[in-house]
Amino acid sequence: QVQLVESGGGLAQAGGSLRLSCAASGSTFSSYAMGWFRQAPGKEREFVAAIRWRDAYTRYADSVKDRFTISRDNAKITVYLRMVSLKAEDTAVYFCAAARIMWGALLPTAAADFDSWGQGTQVTVSS
């Protein structure tokens, strides 16, 4: 059973930075896609970034492109989300997610395509 544990959230000032971590366990992740999603109060959960574990291919939401970087550490079996130039609108609960994908499949970006989720970590950006 895949387990995902996020950490690294907190309070940051606008223009600041944070790094989120997602420790993964319970499977061999070479055939997985890992994603970060976020959900602000009163809003739907939205895609932030995803990475294909096998080759580190990445995709980003337009709203975070050039500010956020997703990466993975094979030895630590951990996925990171480095966030810089934070804005007030980045305030949300951030969730890590995992999806088993077929060889050659597109990197998923829809929440419905991910079947394992962490508990979430709060990110608050003050303006």
Foldseek 3Di string as FASTA:
>chain_A
DKAWAKDWADEAAQQAKTKMKIQIDDDQQQQKKKFKWWDDPPGDIFGAKIARNNPRDMDGDPVQPPFWDWDADNVRNMIMIIGGNDDQVVWTWMKMFMAGDDVPDDRDGDPVRTDYIYPTDTHGYHD
